[in-house]
Amino acid sequence: MLSDQFQSQAKNIVGRYLSAWIMWNLELQMCGDLRRMRHDLGATAPALAQASQLHAWWHVLVGYASYIQVISLVHNRQT
């Protein structure tokens, strides 16, 4: 039987992967609109323009979810 903590971490991991997948697909579907928005925001709000790089957020979320997954598996194996 899996512990409650492990089940909670598994839900967290799946949620991050799902969020990353949604962001990546939004980027694919709205690529032209997002590029225009980033171009328009580039001069006035460069930080917001950079934060709208949804594909970059996909990398961040997948990387973090993978890290949590490895740490959770190691922890679960040691207990």
Protein backbone atom coordinates (compact mmCIF):
# COMPACT_ATOMS: atom_id res chain seq x y z
CA MET A 1 0.00 0.00 0.00
CA LEU A 2 1.29 3.43 -0.91
CA SER A 3 1.59 5.96 1.86
CA ASP A 4 -0.60 9.07 1.92
CA GLN A 5 2.49 11.21 1.48
CA PHE A 6 3.54 9.28 -1.63
CA GLN A 7 0.03 9.53 -3.10
CA SER A 8 0.02 13.27 -2.44
CA GLN A 9 3.41 13.67 -4.12
CA ALA A 10 2.23 11.58 -7.08
CA LYS A 11 -0.78 13.88 -7.52
CA ASN A 12 1.55 16.89 -7.32
CA ILE A 13 3.82 15.42 -10.00
CA VAL A 14 0.94 14.55 -12.33
CA GLY A 15 -0.51 18.03 -11.81
CA ARG A 16 2.76 19.67 -12.80
CA TYR A 17 3.14 17.48 -15.89
CA LEU A 18 -0.46 18.25 -16.86
CA SER A 19 0.04 22.00 -16.32
CA ALA A 20 3.19 21.89 -18.43
CA TRP A 21 1.40 20.02 -21.21
CA ILE A 22 -1.46 22.54 -21.20
CA MET A 23 0.95 25.50 -21.40
CA TRP A 24 2.88 23.92 -24.24
CA ASN A 25 -0.30 23.23 -26.21
CA LEU A 26 -1.59 26.75 -25.61
CA GLU A 27 1.69 28.02 -27.02
CA LEU A 28 1.23 25.82 -30.09
CA GLN A 29 -2.37 26.90 -30.65
CA MET A 30 -1.82 30.63 -30.02
CA CYS A 31 1.73 31.02 -31.34
CA GLY A 32 1.03 33.96 -33.68
CA ASP A 33 -1.05 35.84 -31.12
CA LEU A 34 1.54 35.33 -28.40
CA ARG A 35 4.35 36.52 -30.66
CA ARG A 36 2.44 39.70 -31.49
CA MET A 37 1.67 40.25 -27.80
CA ARG A 38 5.32 39.73 -26.83
CA HIS A 39 6.42 42.15 -29.56
CA ASP A 40 3.93 44.78 -28.34
CA LEU A 41 4.93 44.30 -24.69
CA GLY A 42 8.66 44.12 -25.38
CA ALA A 43 9.33 47.82 -24.98
CA THR A 44 6.89 48.61 -22.18
CA ALA A 45 6.90 45.43 -20.08
CA PRO A 46 9.82 43.18 -21.01
CA ALA A 47 9.39 40.98 -17.92
CA LEU A 48 5.78 40.24 -18.86
CA ALA A 49 6.82 39.52 -22.43
CA GLN A 50 9.40 37.01 -21.18
CA ALA A 51 6.94 35.41 -18.75
CA SER A 52 4.57 34.70 -21.65
CA GLN A 53 7.05 32.21 -23.12
CA LEU A 54 4.83 29.22 -22.35
CA HIS A 55 7.21 26.72 -23.92
CA ALA A 56 9.88 27.87 -21.48
CA TRP A 57 7.43 27.32 -18.61
CA TRP A 58 6.87 23.80 -19.98
CA HIS A 59 10.60 23.12 -19.53
CA VAL A 60 10.58 24.54 -15.99
CA LEU A 61 7.52 22.56 -14.87
CA VAL A 62 8.61 19.28 -16.47
CA GLY A 63 12.09 19.64 -15.01
CA TYR A 64 10.73 20.33 -11.54
CA ALA A 65 8.18 17.50 -11.77
CA SER A 66 10.94 15.10 -12.84
CA TYR A 67 13.11 16.22 -9.92
CA ILE A 68 10.25 15.70 -7.45
CA GLN A 69 9.55 12.31 -8.97
CA VAL A 70 13.13 11.11 -8.53
CA ILE A 71 13.35 12.46 -4.97
CA SER A 72 10.00 10.85 -4.08
CA LEU A 73 11.03 7.49 -5.49
CA VAL A 74 14.36 7.56 -3.64
CA HIS A 75 12.64 8.55 -0.39
CA ASN A 76 9.96 5.89 -0.80
CA ARG A 77 12.57 3.24 -1.55
CA GLN A 78 14.56 4.10 1.58
CA THR A 79 11.57 3.85 3.91
